[in-house]
C-alpha cells in the first residue's frame, strides 16, 4: 500500500516534473519560435538587402560595362580620327611634295622661257636695229626739205622748186646743164591732212650721193632761203631714228648753251667736247651717269628734263645732223 502510495507519488512527481519540463520546453519552444521568427525576419531582411545589393551590384556592373564600352568606342573613334588625321597629313605632305615638284618644274620652265624670251628680245632688238639701219641706208641718197610752203606746189613742180633752192643758195654744186640730177621728189606724207597746221616735208632722192653730201654740208654752214622763206635741209632718216635724235633735244640745247659743242652723229649718238676731249653717248642714260660723276655739270643739267622723251617743236638740231 505504501508502495502504491510511493509509486503514486513517484508518478505524480514524474508527471509533475514532466509537465514542468513540458512547460519549460513549451516556453523554450515559444521563445525559440519567437527567436526563429526574428531570425527569419532578419534573414528576410538580409536576403532583401542582399538582393538589393545584388541588384545594385548588377546595375553598377552594367554601368561599368557601359562606361567601358563608351570608353572603348571613344578610343576606337579617336584611333580612327587619328588615322584619318594621319592619312590627311600624309595626303597633304604628298600634295605639298607634288606642288613643290611642280613649282620647281614651273620655275625651271619659267627660267627657260625667260631665257628664250630674252633671246627672242635680243634677236628682236637686233632685227629692229638692223631694219632701222637698212632703212637709213636705203635713204642715204635722200634729203629732207623742211619749211617749204605748199602754196608753191600749185605753181611749180617740186623738182623745179628744188633746183631753184639749190641755185639760189649754193650754185657752185650745180652739175652739168646748171642743174642737179634728182631721181624722184615728193611730199611726206603724200596726202594732205587739213587738220594739221604744220607743213609737210619734202623728200628728194638724188642720183649722185656726193652731190647730196655737198648740198648737206652747205646747208650746215648757212640757212637756206626760198622766195624769202627759210627752209632747212637735213638727212632723210627712218622715223624711229628721228625719234631717238629728238629725244636728245633738251640735253643738246643745254650743252650748246654751256659751250660743249654738241653734235648728233649717225644714227642717234650725242658727242660733246669737254676738257680737250670728245665724249660720245649712245643713250641718254649713259649721259646722265656721266654728268652725275661731274658735280660742275650735274648742277647745270636738269636730270628729269634730260630723261624726258617728249617731242620738241623746236627742231634746230636737225640742221646739224651728220
C-alpha atoms as a PDB file:
ATOM      1  CA  UNK A   1       0.000   0.000   0.000  1.00  0.00           C
ATOM      2  CA  UNK A   2       2.809   2.225   0.909  1.00  0.00           C
ATOM      3  CA  UNK A   3       4.469   1.094  -2.219  1.00  0.00           C
ATOM      4  CA  UNK A   4       1.481   2.153  -4.221  1.00  0.00           C
ATOM      5  CA  UNK A   5       1.481   5.420  -2.404  1.00  0.00           C
ATOM      6  CA  UNK A   6       5.155   5.900  -3.163  1.00  0.00           C
ATOM      7  CA  UNK A   7       4.543   4.788  -6.683  1.00  0.00           C
ATOM      8  CA  UNK A   8       1.646   7.161  -6.889  1.00  0.00           C
ATOM      9  CA  UNK A   9       3.798   9.952  -5.502  1.00  0.00           C
ATOM     10  CA  UNK A  10       6.553   8.962  -7.803  1.00  0.00           C
ATOM     11  CA  UNK A  11       4.130   9.055 -10.721  1.00  0.00           C
ATOM     12  CA  UNK A  12       2.765  12.377  -9.566  1.00  0.00           C
ATOM     13  CA  UNK A  13       6.265  13.729  -9.170  1.00  0.00           C
ATOM     14  CA  UNK A  14       7.235  12.305 -12.544  1.00  0.00           C
ATOM     15  CA  UNK A  15       4.074  13.733 -14.078  1.00  0.00           C
ATOM     16  CA  UNK A  16       4.673  16.987 -12.309  1.00  0.00           C
ATOM     17  CA  UNK A  17       8.280  17.033 -13.424  1.00  0.00           C
ATOM     18  CA  UNK A  18       7.178  16.011 -16.899  1.00  0.00           C
ATOM     19  CA  UNK A  19       4.659  18.848 -17.047  1.00  0.00           C
ATOM     20  CA  UNK A  20       7.259  21.192 -15.661  1.00  0.00           C
ATOM     21  CA  UNK A  21       9.668  20.049 -18.346  1.00  0.00           C
ATOM     22  CA  UNK A  22       6.924  20.211 -20.947  1.00  0.00           C
ATOM     23  CA  UNK A  23       6.047  23.696 -19.826  1.00  0.00           C
ATOM     24  CA  UNK A  24       9.682  24.586 -19.826  1.00  0.00           C
ATOM     25  CA  UNK A  25      10.095  23.022 -23.280  1.00  0.00           C
ATOM     26  CA  UNK A  26       6.995  24.795 -24.461  1.00  0.00           C
ATOM     27  CA  UNK A  27       8.363  28.040 -23.099  1.00  0.00           C
ATOM     28  CA  UNK A  28      11.692  27.419 -24.741  1.00  0.00           C
ATOM     29  CA  UNK A  29       9.910  26.328 -27.897  1.00  0.00           C
ATOM     30  CA  UNK A  30       7.872  29.526 -27.847  1.00  0.00           C
ATOM     31  CA  UNK A  31      10.967  31.559 -27.258  1.00  0.00           C
ATOM     32  CA  UNK A  32      12.716  29.590 -29.965  1.00  0.00           C
ATOM     33  CA  UNK A  33       9.767  30.227 -32.246  1.00  0.00           C
ATOM     34  CA  UNK A  34       9.927  33.925 -31.449  1.00  0.00           C
ATOM     35  CA  UNK A  35      13.664  33.971 -31.944  1.00  0.00           C
ATOM     36  CA  UNK A  36      13.190  31.950 -35.114  1.00  0.00           C
ATOM     37  CA  UNK A  37      10.623  34.475 -36.277  1.00  0.00           C
ATOM     38  CA  UNK A  38      13.086  37.276 -35.530  1.00  0.00           C
ATOM     39  CA  UNK A  39      15.830  35.344 -37.288  1.00  0.00           C
ATOM     40  CA  UNK A  40      13.543  34.727 -40.241  1.00  0.00           C
ATOM     41  CA  UNK A  41      12.716  38.409 -40.321  1.00  0.00           C
ATOM     42  CA  UNK A  42      16.407  39.278 -40.148  1.00  0.00           C
ATOM     43  CA  UNK A  43      17.130  36.593 -42.718  1.00  0.00           C
ATOM     44  CA  UNK A  44      14.423  38.025 -44.966  1.00  0.00           C
ATOM     45  CA  UNK A  45      15.794  41.490 -44.339  1.00  0.00           C
ATOM     46  CA  UNK A  46      19.291  40.268 -45.080  1.00  0.00           C
ATOM     47  CA  UNK A  47      18.025  38.413 -48.138  1.00  0.00           C
ATOM     48  CA  UNK A  48      16.266  41.584 -49.296  1.00  0.00           C
ATOM     49  CA  UNK A  49      19.327  43.663 -48.572  1.00  0.00           C
ATOM     50  CA  UNK A  50      21.459  41.063 -50.337  1.00  0.00           C
ATOM     51  CA  UNK A  51      19.051  41.159 -53.287  1.00  0.00           C
ATOM     52  CA  UNK A  52      19.159  44.945 -53.332  1.00  0.00           C
ATOM     53  CA  UNK A  53      22.942  44.844 -53.108  1.00  0.00           C
ATOM     54  CA  UNK A  54      22.986  42.263 -55.872  1.00  0.00           C
ATOM     55  CA  UNK A  55      20.739  44.469 -57.980  1.00  0.00           C
ATOM     56  CA  UNK A  56      22.900  47.472 -57.203  1.00  0.00           C
ATOM     57  CA  UNK A  57      25.996  45.458 -57.979  1.00  0.00           C
ATOM     58  CA  UNK A  58      24.422  44.342 -61.276  1.00  0.00           C
ATOM     59  CA  UNK A  59      23.447  47.922 -62.020  1.00  0.00           C
ATOM     60  CA  UNK A  60      26.946  49.108 -61.184  1.00  0.00           C
ATOM     61  CA  UNK A  61      28.374  46.306 -63.287  1.00  0.00           C
ATOM     62  CA  UNK A  62      26.122  47.331 -66.173  1.00  0.00           C
ATOM     63  CA  UNK A  63      27.137  50.962 -65.746  1.00  0.00           C
ATOM     64  CA  UNK A  64      30.812  49.988 -65.575  1.00  0.00           C
ATOM     65  CA  UNK A  65      30.366  47.859 -68.696  1.00  0.00           C
ATOM     66  CA  UNK A  66      28.585  50.735 -70.407  1.00  0.00           C
ATOM     67  CA  UNK A  67      31.355  53.106 -69.363  1.00  0.00           C
ATOM     68  CA  UNK A  68      33.967  50.638 -70.603  1.00  0.00           C
ATOM     69  CA  UNK A  69      32.058  50.245 -73.888  1.00  0.00           C
ATOM     70  CA  UNK A  70      31.767  54.044 -74.249  1.00  0.00           C
ATOM     71  CA  UNK A  71      35.438  54.477 -73.447  1.00  0.00           C
ATOM     72  CA  UNK A  72      36.402  51.747 -75.898  1.00  0.00           C
ATOM     73  CA  UNK A  73      34.137  53.296 -78.543  1.00  0.00           C
ATOM     74  CA  UNK A  74      35.714  56.706 -77.942  1.00  0.00           C
ATOM     75  CA  UNK A  75      39.175  55.157 -78.091  1.00  0.00           C
ATOM     76  CA  UNK A  76      38.261  53.404 -81.334  1.00  0.00           C
ATOM     77  CA  UNK A  77      36.805  56.629 -82.723  1.00  0.00           C
ATOM     78  CA  UNK A  78      39.862  58.576 -81.614  1.00  0.00           C
ATOM     79  CA  UNK A  79      42.086  55.996 -83.228  1.00  0.00           C
ATOM     80  CA  UNK A  80      40.029  56.265 -86.409  1.00  0.00           C
ATOM     81  CA  UNK A  81      40.223  60.064 -86.214  1.00  0.00           C
ATOM     82  CA  UNK A  82      43.954  59.860 -85.594  1.00  0.00           C
ATOM     83  CA  UNK A  83      44.343  57.532 -88.532  1.00  0.00           C
ATOM     84  CA  UNK A  84      42.207  59.832 -90.650  1.00  0.00           C
ATOM     85  CA  UNK A  85      44.306  62.791 -89.498  1.00  0.00           C
ATOM     86  CA  UNK A  86      47.473  60.854 -90.269  1.00  0.00           C
ATOM     87  CA  UNK A  87      46.088  59.971 -93.703  1.00  0.00           C
ATOM     88  CA  UNK A  88      45.144  63.606 -94.319  1.00  0.00           C
ATOM     89  CA  UNK A  89      48.575  64.781 -93.151  1.00  0.00           C
ATOM     90  CA  UNK A  90      50.239  62.223 -95.393  1.00  0.00           C
ATOM     91  CA  UNK A  91      47.987  63.282 -98.248  1.00  0.00           C
ATOM     92  CA  UNK A  92      48.912  66.927 -97.602  1.00  0.00           C
ATOM     93  CA  UNK A  93      52.595  66.058 -97.478  1.00  0.00           C
ATOM     94  CA  UNK A  94      52.251  64.167-100.742  1.00  0.00           C
ATOM     95  CA  UNK A  95      50.359  67.108-102.255  1.00  0.00           C
ATOM     96  CA  UNK A  96      52.973  69.561-100.966  1.00  0.00           C
ATOM     97  CA  UNK A  97      55.736  67.422-102.446  1.00  0.00           C
ATOM     98  CA  UNK A  98      53.850  67.300-105.729  1.00  0.00           C
ATOM     99  CA  UNK A  99      53.307  71.061-105.630  1.00  0.00           C
ATOM    100  CA  UNK A 100      56.954  71.677-104.748  1.00  0.00           C
ATOM    101  CA  UNK A 101      57.997  69.399-107.563  1.00  0.00           C
ATOM    102  CA  UNK A 102      55.508  71.084-109.887  1.00  0.00           C
ATOM    103  CA  UNK A 103      56.626  74.523-108.657  1.00  0.00           C
ATOM    104  CA  UNK A 104      60.258  73.583-109.221  1.00  0.00           C
ATOM    105  CA  UNK A 105      59.369  72.346-112.701  1.00  0.00           C
ATOM    106  CA  UNK A 106      57.425  75.553-113.352  1.00  0.00           C
ATOM    107  CA  UNK A 107      60.346  77.644-112.085  1.00  0.00           C
ATOM    108  CA  UNK A 108      62.706  75.735-114.345  1.00  0.00           C
ATOM    109  CA  UNK A 109      60.249  76.141-117.242  1.00  0.00           C
ATOM    110  CA  UNK A 110      59.884  79.845-116.374  1.00  0.00           C
ATOM    111  CA  UNK A 111      63.654  80.290-116.294  1.00  0.00           C
ATOM    112  CA  UNK A 112      63.946  78.512-119.636  1.00  0.00           C
ATOM    113  CA  UNK A 113      61.073  80.567-121.053  1.00  0.00           C
ATOM    114  CA  UNK A 114      62.606  83.786-119.707  1.00  0.00           C
ATOM    115  CA  UNK A 115      65.895  82.818-121.294  1.00  0.00           C
ATOM    116  CA  UNK A 116      64.057  82.139-124.554  1.00  0.00           C
ATOM    117  CA  UNK A 117      62.189  85.444-124.210  1.00  0.00           C
ATOM    118  CA  UNK A 118      65.438  87.287-123.515  1.00  0.00           C
ATOM    119  CA  UNK A 119      66.976  85.619-126.542  1.00  0.00           C
ATOM    120  CA  UNK A 120      63.928  86.497-128.634  1.00  0.00           C
ATOM    121  CA  UNK A 121      64.028  90.063-127.283  1.00  0.00           C
ATOM    122  CA  UNK A 122      67.718  90.326-128.119  1.00  0.00           C
ATOM    123  CA  UNK A 123      67.004  88.970-131.606  1.00  0.00           C
ATOM    124  CA  UNK A 124      64.106  91.404-131.986  1.00  0.00           C
ATOM    125  CA  UNK A 125      66.267  94.319-130.881  1.00  0.00           C
ATOM    126  CA  UNK A 126      68.948  93.196-133.288  1.00  0.00           C
ATOM    127  CA  UNK A 127      66.399  92.823-136.098  1.00  0.00           C
ATOM    128  CA  UNK A 128      64.841  96.202-135.290  1.00  0.00           C
ATOM    129  CA  UNK A 129      68.284  97.812-135.232  1.00  0.00           C
ATOM    130  CA  UNK A 130      69.174  96.008-138.442  1.00  0.00           C
ATOM    131  CA  UNK A 131      65.912  97.035-140.093  1.00  0.00           C
ATOM    132  CA  UNK A 132      66.373 100.619-138.925  1.00  0.00           C
ATOM    133  CA  UNK A 133      69.939 100.624-140.199  1.00  0.00           C
ATOM    134  CA  UNK A 134      68.854  99.151-143.538  1.00  0.00           C
ATOM    135  CA  UNK A 135      66.088 101.741-143.840  1.00  0.00           C
ATOM    136  CA  UNK A 136      68.558 104.542-143.084  1.00  0.00           C
ATOM    137  CA  UNK A 137      70.966 103.184-145.677  1.00  0.00           C
ATOM    138  CA  UNK A 138      68.126 102.935-148.190  1.00  0.00           C
ATOM    139  CA  UNK A 139      67.607 106.673-147.597  1.00  0.00           C
ATOM    140  CA  UNK A 140      71.315 107.547-147.883  1.00  0.00           C
ATOM    141  CA  UNK A 141      70.738 109.376-151.176  1.00  0.00           C
ATOM    142  CA  UNK A 142      67.777 111.336-149.767  1.00  0.00           C
ATOM    143  CA  UNK A 143      67.483 114.803-148.287  1.00  0.00           C
ATOM    144  CA  UNK A 144      64.568 116.227-146.350  1.00  0.00           C
ATOM    145  CA  UNK A 145      63.458 119.815-147.057  1.00  0.00           C
ATOM    146  CA  UNK A 146      61.641 121.349-144.102  1.00  0.00           C
ATOM    147  CA  UNK A 147      59.551 124.521-144.033  1.00  0.00           C
ATOM    148  CA  UNK A 148      58.812 124.821-147.755  1.00  0.00           C
ATOM    149  CA  UNK A 149      55.347 126.461-148.156  1.00  0.00           C
ATOM    150  CA  UNK A 150      52.932 124.233-150.019  1.00  0.00           C
ATOM    151  CA  UNK A 151      51.488 127.180-151.881  1.00  0.00           C
ATOM    152  CA  UNK A 152      54.473 126.971-154.263  1.00  0.00           C
ATOM    153  CA  UNK A 153      53.420 123.455-155.312  1.00  0.00           C
ATOM    154  CA  UNK A 154      50.425 124.872-157.149  1.00  0.00           C
ATOM    155  CA  UNK A 155      52.584 126.997-159.446  1.00  0.00           C
ATOM    156  CA  UNK A 156      55.628 124.761-159.991  1.00  0.00           C
ATOM    157  CA  UNK A 157      56.641 121.150-159.659  1.00  0.00           C
ATOM    158  CA  UNK A 158      58.724 120.122-156.635  1.00  0.00           C
ATOM    159  CA  UNK A 159      61.571 119.186-158.961  1.00  0.00           C
ATOM    160  CA  UNK A 160      61.774 122.736-160.328  1.00  0.00           C
ATOM    161  CA  UNK A 161      61.421 124.241-156.830  1.00  0.00           C
ATOM    162  CA  UNK A 162      64.300 122.091-155.503  1.00  0.00           C
ATOM    163  CA  UNK A 163      66.521 123.176-158.428  1.00  0.00           C
ATOM    164  CA  UNK A 164      65.730 126.829-157.703  1.00  0.00           C
ATOM    165  CA  UNK A 165      66.557 126.353-153.991  1.00  0.00           C
ATOM    166  CA  UNK A 166      69.946 124.863-154.879  1.00  0.00           C
ATOM    167  CA  UNK A 167      70.665 127.526-157.456  1.00  0.00           C
ATOM    168  CA  UNK A 168      69.734 130.323-155.039  1.00  0.00           C
ATOM    169  CA  UNK A 169      71.713 129.033-152.043  1.00  0.00           C
ATOM    170  CA  UNK A 170      74.679 127.012-153.387  1.00  0.00           C
ATOM    171  CA  UNK A 171      75.067 127.373-157.144  1.00  0.00           C
ATOM    172  CA  UNK A 172      78.628 126.052-157.001  1.00  0.00           C
ATOM    173  CA  UNK A 173      77.433 122.432-156.656  1.00  0.00           C
ATOM    174  CA  UNK A 174      75.266 122.553-159.772  1.00  0.00           C
ATOM    175  CA  UNK A 175      76.156 119.811-162.215  1.00  0.00           C
ATOM    176  CA  UNK A 176      76.054 119.820-165.980  1.00  0.00           C
ATOM    177  CA  UNK A 177      73.457 121.975-167.653  1.00  0.00           C
ATOM    178  CA  UNK A 178      73.126 124.032-164.448  1.00  0.00           C
ATOM    179  CA  UNK A 179      71.050 121.537-162.501  1.00  0.00           C
ATOM    180  CA  UNK A 180      71.283 118.652-160.079  1.00  0.00           C
ATOM    181  CA  UNK A 181      70.016 115.205-161.070  1.00  0.00           C
ATOM    182  CA  UNK A 182      67.147 114.186-158.768  1.00  0.00           C
ATOM    183  CA  UNK A 183      65.721 110.692-159.144  1.00  0.00           C
ATOM    184  CA  UNK A 184      62.361 111.493-157.531  1.00  0.00           C
ATOM    185  CA  UNK A 185      60.838 114.032-155.146  1.00  0.00           C
ATOM    186  CA  UNK A 186      57.569 114.105-153.181  1.00  0.00           C
ATOM    187  CA  UNK A 187      55.788 115.452-150.110  1.00  0.00           C
ATOM    188  CA  UNK A 188      55.615 113.281-146.962  1.00  0.00           C
ATOM    189  CA  UNK A 189      53.006 112.187-146.158  1.00  0.00           C
ATOM    190  CA  UNK A 190      51.675 112.096-149.717  1.00  0.00           C
ATOM    191  CA  UNK A 191      48.104 113.016-148.689  1.00  0.00           C
ATOM    192  CA  UNK A 192      47.406 116.450-147.186  1.00  0.00           C
ATOM    193  CA  UNK A 193      45.638 116.342-143.788  1.00  0.00           C
ATOM    194  CA  UNK A 194      43.568 119.542-143.419  1.00  0.00           C
ATOM    195  CA  UNK A 195      43.553 119.125-139.613  1.00  0.00           C
ATOM    196  CA  UNK A 196      47.349 119.503-139.423  1.00  0.00           C
ATOM    197  CA  UNK A 197      48.804 123.016-139.327  1.00  0.00           C
ATOM    198  CA  UNK A 198      52.434 122.018-139.882  1.00  0.00           C
ATOM    199  CA  UNK A 199      53.887 121.931-143.388  1.00  0.00           C
ATOM    200  CA  UNK A 200      54.605 118.561-144.934  1.00  0.00           C
ATOM    201  CA  UNK A 201      58.275 117.820-145.543  1.00  0.00           C
ATOM    202  CA  UNK A 202      59.699 117.300-148.996  1.00  0.00           C
ATOM    203  CA  UNK A 203      61.769 114.158-149.631  1.00  0.00           C
ATOM    204  CA  UNK A 204      64.219 114.300-152.522  1.00  0.00           C
ATOM    205  CA  UNK A 205      66.299 111.354-153.760  1.00  0.00           C
ATOM    206  CA  UNK A 206      69.480 112.402-155.625  1.00  0.00           C
ATOM    207  CA  UNK A 207      71.147 110.483-158.413  1.00  0.00           C
ATOM    208  CA  UNK A 208      74.616 111.341-157.108  1.00  0.00           C
ATOM    209  CA  UNK A 209      75.468 110.639-153.428  1.00  0.00           C
ATOM    210  CA  UNK A 210      78.422 113.058-153.463  1.00  0.00           C
ATOM    211  CA  UNK A 211      76.223 115.878-154.708  1.00  0.00           C
ATOM    212  CA  UNK A 212      73.754 115.197-151.929  1.00  0.00           C
ATOM    213  CA  UNK A 213      76.563 115.339-149.335  1.00  0.00           C
ATOM    214  CA  UNK A 214      77.849 118.654-150.741  1.00  0.00           C
ATOM    215  CA  UNK A 215      74.355 120.119-150.507  1.00  0.00           C
ATOM    216  CA  UNK A 216      74.029 118.872-146.910  1.00  0.00           C
ATOM    217  CA  UNK A 217      77.397 120.369-145.919  1.00  0.00           C
ATOM    218  CA  UNK A 218      76.394 123.698-147.454  1.00  0.00           C
ATOM    219  CA  UNK A 219      73.091 123.618-145.520  1.00  0.00           C
ATOM    220  CA  UNK A 220      75.030 123.184-142.258  1.00  0.00           C
ATOM    221  CA  UNK A 221      77.068 126.294-142.876  1.00  0.00           C
ATOM    222  CA  UNK A 222      74.210 128.675-143.571  1.00  0.00           C
ATOM    223  CA  UNK A 223      70.408 128.905-143.608  1.00  0.00           C
ATOM    224  CA  UNK A 224      68.774 128.224-146.964  1.00  0.00           C
ATOM    225  CA  UNK A 225      66.037 130.527-148.215  1.00  0.00           C
ATOM    226  CA  UNK A 226      63.433 130.299-150.951  1.00  0.00           C
ATOM    227  CA  UNK A 227      61.459 133.367-152.001  1.00  0.00           C
ATOM    228  CA  UNK A 228      62.100 134.977-148.626  1.00  0.00           C
ATOM    229  CA  UNK A 229      61.194 131.861-146.597  1.00  0.00           C
ATOM    230  CA  UNK A 230      63.793 129.979-144.532  1.00  0.00           C
ATOM    231  CA  UNK A 231      63.954 126.270-145.338  1.00  0.00           C
ATOM    232  CA  UNK A 232      66.075 123.606-143.659  1.00  0.00           C
ATOM    233  CA  UNK A 233      67.912 120.786-145.386  1.00  0.00           C
ATOM    234  CA  UNK A 234      68.568 117.639-143.328  1.00  0.00           C
ATOM    235  CA  UNK A 235      69.240 113.962-143.769  1.00  0.00           C
ATOM    236  CA  UNK A 236      66.225 111.766-144.503  1.00  0.00           C
ATOM    237  CA  UNK A 237      66.249 109.097-141.799  1.00  0.00           C
ATOM    238  CA  UNK A 238      63.872 106.424-140.527  1.00  0.00           C
ATOM    239  CA  UNK A 239      61.100 107.676-138.234  1.00  0.00           C
ATOM    240  CA  UNK A 240      62.482 105.622-135.321  1.00  0.00           C
ATOM    241  CA  UNK A 241      65.915 107.209-135.771  1.00  0.00           C
ATOM    242  CA  UNK A 242      64.412 110.711-135.891  1.00  0.00           C
ATOM    243  CA  UNK A 243      62.546 109.974-132.661  1.00  0.00           C
ATOM    244  CA  UNK A 244      65.787 108.895-130.961  1.00  0.00           C
ATOM    245  CA  UNK A 245      67.521 112.044-132.168  1.00  0.00           C
ATOM    246  CA  UNK A 246      64.731 114.312-130.959  1.00  0.00           C
ATOM    247  CA  UNK A 247      64.992 112.699-127.530  1.00  0.00           C
ATOM    248  CA  UNK A 248      68.355 114.483-127.192  1.00  0.00           C
ATOM    249  CA  UNK A 249      66.817 117.953-127.819  1.00  0.00           C
ATOM    250  CA  UNK A 250      66.751 119.204-124.212  1.00  0.00           C
ATOM    251  CA  UNK A 251      70.271 117.969-123.438  1.00  0.00           C
ATOM    252  CA  UNK A 252      71.507 119.238-126.793  1.00  0.00           C
ATOM    253  CA  UNK A 253      70.254 122.797-126.188  1.00  0.00           C
ATOM    254  CA  UNK A 254      71.696 122.909-122.679  1.00  0.00           C
ATOM    255  CA  UNK A 255      75.040 121.546-123.872  1.00  0.00           C
ATOM    256  CA  UNK A 256      75.154 124.176-126.587  1.00  0.00           C
ATOM    257  CA  UNK A 257      74.423 126.922-124.013  1.00  0.00           C
ATOM    258  CA  UNK A 258      77.373 125.632-121.958  1.00  0.00           C
ATOM    259  CA  UNK A 259      79.686 125.738-124.975  1.00  0.00           C
ATOM    260  CA  UNK A 260      80.193 121.948-125.132  1.00  0.00           C
ATOM    261  CA  UNK A 261      79.931 121.938-128.958  1.00  0.00           C
ATOM    262  CA  UNK A 262      77.293 119.154-129.106  1.00  0.00           C
ATOM    263  CA  UNK A 263      76.695 117.169-132.283  1.00  0.00           C
ATOM    264  CA  UNK A 264      74.218 114.410-133.143  1.00  0.00           C
ATOM    265  CA  UNK A 265      76.081 111.804-135.171  1.00  0.00           C
ATOM    266  CA  UNK A 266      74.709 108.823-137.059  1.00  0.00           C
ATOM    267  CA  UNK A 267      72.460 107.219-136.106  1.00  0.00           C
ATOM    268  CA  UNK A 268      71.474 108.951-132.854  1.00  0.00           C
ATOM    269  CA  UNK A 269      74.691 109.437-130.921  1.00  0.00           C
ATOM    270  CA  UNK A 270      75.471 112.602-128.977  1.00  0.00           C
ATOM    271  CA  UNK A 271      79.034 113.919-128.883  1.00  0.00           C
ATOM    272  CA  UNK A 272      80.336 116.819-126.786  1.00  0.00           C
ATOM    273  CA  UNK A 273      83.727 118.485-126.423  1.00  0.00           C
ATOM    274  CA  UNK A 274      84.882 118.753-122.811  1.00  0.00           C
ATOM    275  CA  UNK A 275      88.351 119.394-121.313  1.00  0.00           C
ATOM    276  CA  UNK A 276      90.042 118.907-124.663  1.00  0.00           C
ATOM    277  CA  UNK A 277      88.405 115.542-125.289  1.00  0.00           C
ATOM    278  CA  UNK A 278      85.450 114.334-127.390  1.00  0.00           C
ATOM    279  CA  UNK A 279      82.901 112.310-125.416  1.00  0.00           C
ATOM    280  CA  UNK A 280      80.276 110.109-127.141  1.00  0.00           C
ATOM    281  CA  UNK A 281      76.971 108.787-125.748  1.00  0.00           C
ATOM    282  CA  UNK A 282      74.669 106.290-127.442  1.00  0.00           C
ATOM    283  CA  UNK A 283      71.909 106.575-124.804  1.00  0.00           C
ATOM    284  CA  UNK A 284      70.568 109.322-122.557  1.00  0.00           C
ATOM    285  CA  UNK A 285      71.187 107.075-119.530  1.00  0.00           C
ATOM    286  CA  UNK A 286      74.887 106.994-120.385  1.00  0.00           C
ATOM    287  CA  UNK A 287      74.977 110.782-120.463  1.00  0.00           C
ATOM    288  CA  UNK A 288      73.155 111.012-117.112  1.00  0.00           C
ATOM    289  CA  UNK A 289      75.705 108.697-115.457  1.00  0.00           C
ATOM    290  CA  UNK A 290      78.491 110.765-116.986  1.00  0.00           C
ATOM    291  CA  UNK A 291      77.004 114.025-115.597  1.00  0.00           C
ATOM    292  CA  UNK A 292      76.440 112.557-112.091  1.00  0.00           C
ATOM    293  CA  UNK A 293      80.179 111.948-111.752  1.00  0.00           C
ATOM    294  CA  UNK A 294      80.915 115.606-112.512  1.00  0.00           C
ATOM    295  CA  UNK A 295      79.343 117.951-109.903  1.00  0.00           C
ATOM    296  CA  UNK A 296      80.062 121.031-112.011  1.00  0.00           C
ATOM    297  CA  UNK A 297      77.908 119.622-114.845  1.00  0.00           C
ATOM    298  CA  UNK A 298      75.345 117.942-112.577  1.00  0.00           C
ATOM    299  CA  UNK A 299      74.337 121.343-111.163  1.00  0.00           C
ATOM    300  CA  UNK A 300      73.760 122.737-114.626  1.00  0.00           C
ATOM    301  CA  UNK A 301      71.773 119.871-116.179  1.00  0.00           C
ATOM    302  CA  UNK A 302      68.203 119.117-115.199  1.00  0.00           C
ATOM    303  CA  UNK A 303      68.246 115.314-114.949  1.00  0.00           C
ATOM    304  CA  UNK A 304      64.496 114.954-115.071  1.00  0.00           C
ATOM    305  CA  UNK A 305      64.344 117.111-118.153  1.00  0.00           C
ATOM    306  CA  UNK A 306      67.092 115.019-119.704  1.00  0.00           C
ATOM    307  CA  UNK A 307      65.109 111.865-119.030  1.00  0.00           C
ATOM    308  CA  UNK A 308      62.066 113.229-120.799  1.00  0.00           C
ATOM    309  CA  UNK A 309      61.185 111.774-124.189  1.00  0.00           C
ATOM    310  CA  UNK A 310      58.682 114.484-125.109  1.00  0.00           C
ATOM    311  CA  UNK A 311      58.780 115.669-128.687  1.00  0.00           C
ATOM    312  CA  UNK A 312      60.056 119.199-129.082  1.00  0.00           C
ATOM    313  CA  UNK A 313      58.609 121.590-131.568  1.00  0.00           C
ATOM    314  CA  UNK A 314      61.988 123.168-131.916  1.00  0.00           C
ATOM    315  CA  UNK A 315      63.946 121.136-134.488  1.00  0.00           C
ATOM    316  CA  UNK A 316      67.068 123.257-134.535  1.00  0.00           C
ATOM    317  CA  UNK A 317      69.381 120.298-134.212  1.00  0.00           C
ATOM    318  CA  UNK A 318      68.121 118.757-137.422  1.00  0.00           C
ATOM    319  CA  UNK A 319      70.358 121.044-139.454  1.00  0.00           C
ATOM    320  CA  UNK A 320      73.429 119.705-137.629  1.00  0.00           C
ATOM    321  CA  UNK A 321      72.574 116.009-138.179  1.00  0.00           C
ATOM    322  CA  UNK A 322      75.506 114.095-139.663  1.00  0.00           C
END
